[in-house]
Amino acid sequence: MLLIPCPNCGSRDETEFHYGGQAHVAYPENPTELNDREWAEFLFYRDNTKGAFAERWLHSTGCRQWFNMLRDTVTYDIQAVYAMGTPRPATTGPAASEPGTASTAADSTTTGNAAPSTSSSSTTAPEGATK
């Protein structure tokens, strides 16, 4: 569970907040002049970066105010919280610039190798346990 630092109320549980999507997406200057493709790109196309990412959040059960947050999408580390309308701060931590997918390590649950061994080794029950 994340503790999100609301700029108005202090740190609160993530269940009090609603994600509002990518921050700093400018509304089109002349939306009536956009064709269907350009309008769709504005509405639905967003960055999906690995590493530091600027997001909008609403403290829906608290102060009901919107704010921006710079969060690492790999580690979930919150790097900065700042008011709407202010520029994105510089990244404070190391960014994960390496593109990637799920882990392929031998102990990873994505590879199917995380299950316990079922080899027929002799195990004894603790004293007092029933068989």
Protein backbone atom coordinates (compact mmCIF):
# COMPACT_ATOMS: atom_id res chain seq x y z
CA MET A 1 0.00 0.00 0.00
CA LEU A 2 1.35 3.43 -0.92
CA LEU A 3 1.35 6.42 1.38
CA ILE A 4 0.72 9.40 -0.87
CA PRO A 5 1.76 12.80 0.48
CA CYS A 6 -1.16 15.13 -0.21
CA PRO A 7 0.15 18.73 -0.40
CA ASN A 8 -2.87 19.89 1.66
CA CYS A 9 -3.57 17.03 4.10
CA GLY A 10 -0.24 15.25 4.56
CA SER A 11 0.46 11.56 3.98
CA ARG A 12 -2.62 9.43 3.45
CA ASP A 13 -3.39 5.90 2.30
CA GLU A 14 -3.58 5.42 -1.48
CA THR A 15 -7.22 4.29 -1.23
CA GLU A 16 -8.16 7.94 -0.57
CA PHE A 17 -6.89 9.00 -4.00
CA HIS A 18 -7.88 8.60 -7.63
CA TYR A 19 -5.39 8.46 -10.48
CA GLY A 20 -5.99 11.13 -13.10
CA GLY A 21 -3.61 10.11 -15.86
CA GLN A 22 -0.52 11.71 -17.31
CA ALA A 23 0.27 15.24 -16.15
CA HIS A 24 1.23 18.16 -18.40
CA VAL A 25 -0.90 17.15 -21.39
CA ALA A 26 -1.85 20.45 -23.00
CA TYR A 27 -5.40 20.93 -24.24
CA PRO A 28 -5.43 21.64 -28.00
CA GLU A 29 -5.32 25.33 -28.82
CA ASN A 30 -8.11 25.01 -31.42
CA PRO A 31 -9.94 21.74 -30.75
CA THR A 32 -12.55 22.40 -33.42
CA GLU A 33 -9.81 22.36 -36.08
CA LEU A 34 -8.62 18.85 -35.18
CA ASN A 35 -9.50 15.95 -37.43
CA ASP A 36 -10.72 12.69 -35.90
CA ARG A 37 -7.24 11.17 -35.79
CA GLU A 38 -5.71 14.19 -34.01
CA TRP A 39 -8.60 14.35 -31.52
CA ALA A 40 -8.28 10.64 -30.76
CA GLU A 41 -4.53 11.04 -30.20
CA PHE A 42 -5.18 13.87 -27.73
CA LEU A 43 -7.83 11.89 -25.85
CA PHE A 44 -6.32 8.42 -25.75
CA TYR A 45 -2.61 8.38 -26.56
CA ARG A 46 -0.38 8.78 -23.52
CA ASP A 47 3.23 8.03 -22.70
CA ASN A 48 3.95 4.74 -20.97
CA THR A 49 7.47 5.32 -19.74
CA LYS A 50 9.56 3.12 -17.53
CA GLY A 51 11.03 5.29 -14.79
CA ALA A 52 10.10 8.80 -13.65
CA PHE A 53 6.60 9.72 -14.79
CA ALA A 54 4.51 12.84 -14.05
CA GLU A 55 0.94 11.96 -13.01
CA ARG A 56 -2.21 13.79 -11.90
CA TRP A 57 -3.92 12.68 -8.67
CA LEU A 58 -7.14 13.68 -6.89
CA HIS A 59 -7.47 13.42 -3.11
CA SER A 60 -11.06 12.31 -3.51
CA THR A 61 -11.91 11.47 0.11
CA GLY A 62 -9.87 14.26 1.69
CA CYS A 63 -9.44 17.83 0.49
CA ARG A 64 -10.81 16.97 -3.00
CA GLN A 65 -7.93 18.85 -4.64
CA TRP A 66 -5.93 17.87 -7.72
CA PHE A 67 -2.12 17.79 -7.63
CA ASN A 68 0.76 16.42 -9.68
CA MET A 69 3.14 13.72 -8.58
CA LEU A 70 6.45 12.56 -10.05
CA ARG A 71 6.61 8.81 -9.45
CA ASP A 72 8.95 6.06 -10.60
CA THR A 73 6.82 3.48 -12.42
CA VAL A 74 9.30 0.69 -11.68
CA THR A 75 9.89 1.15 -7.95
CA TYR A 76 6.76 3.19 -7.08
CA ASP A 77 9.02 5.71 -5.31
CA ILE A 78 7.34 9.10 -5.10
CA GLN A 79 9.99 11.62 -6.09
CA ALA A 80 8.00 14.87 -5.89
CA VAL A 81 4.52 16.23 -5.24
CA TYR A 82 3.72 19.63 -6.68
CA ALA A 83 0.79 21.92 -7.44
CA MET A 84 -1.17 21.86 -10.67
CA GLY A 85 0.09 24.41 -13.18
CA THR A 86 3.70 24.32 -12.00
CA PRO A 87 6.40 22.83 -14.20
CA ARG A 88 7.61 19.29 -13.70
CA PRO A 89 10.59 19.18 -11.32
CA ALA A 90 13.86 17.58 -12.35
CA THR A 91 14.17 13.87 -11.69
CA THR A 92 15.70 13.40 -8.26
CA GLY A 93 16.56 9.72 -8.46
CA PRO A 94 18.14 7.43 -11.01
CA ALA A 95 15.73 6.83 -13.85
CA ALA A 96 15.24 3.36 -15.20
CA SER A 97 15.99 4.15 -18.82
CA GLU A 98 16.32 0.55 -19.88
CA PRO A 99 13.28 -0.74 -21.75
CA GLY A 100 12.15 -4.08 -20.47
CA THR A 101 9.50 -6.59 -19.68
CA ALA A 102 8.81 -8.90 -16.80
CA SER A 103 11.74 -10.54 -15.09
CA THR A 104 13.12 -13.72 -16.60
CA ALA A 105 15.05 -14.72 -13.48
CA ALA A 106 14.78 -18.33 -12.40
CA ASP A 107 12.82 -17.41 -9.29
CA SER A 108 10.41 -15.14 -11.12
CA THR A 109 6.71 -15.93 -11.05
CA THR A 110 6.48 -14.90 -14.71
CA THR A 111 8.61 -17.84 -15.81
CA GLY A 112 6.63 -20.51 -14.01
CA ASN A 113 9.66 -21.60 -11.98
CA ALA A 114 8.53 -20.21 -8.65
CA ALA A 115 6.57 -23.26 -7.50
CA PRO A 116 8.05 -25.32 -4.70
CA SER A 117 9.96 -28.41 -5.61
CA THR A 118 7.91 -31.59 -5.73
CA SER A 119 10.83 -33.96 -5.87
CA SER A 120 10.45 -37.07 -3.78
CA SER A 121 12.73 -36.17 -0.91
CA SER A 122 12.25 -37.72 2.48
CA THR A 123 10.78 -35.27 4.91
CA THR A 124 9.82 -35.96 8.47
CA ALA A 125 6.97 -34.32 10.25
CA PRO A 126 7.71 -32.28 13.35
CA GLU A 127 7.34 -34.07 16.67
CA GLY A 128 3.67 -34.28 17.66
CA ALA A 129 2.34 -33.79 14.13
CA THR A 130 -0.01 -36.33 12.59
CA LYS A 131 0.63 -37.99 9.31
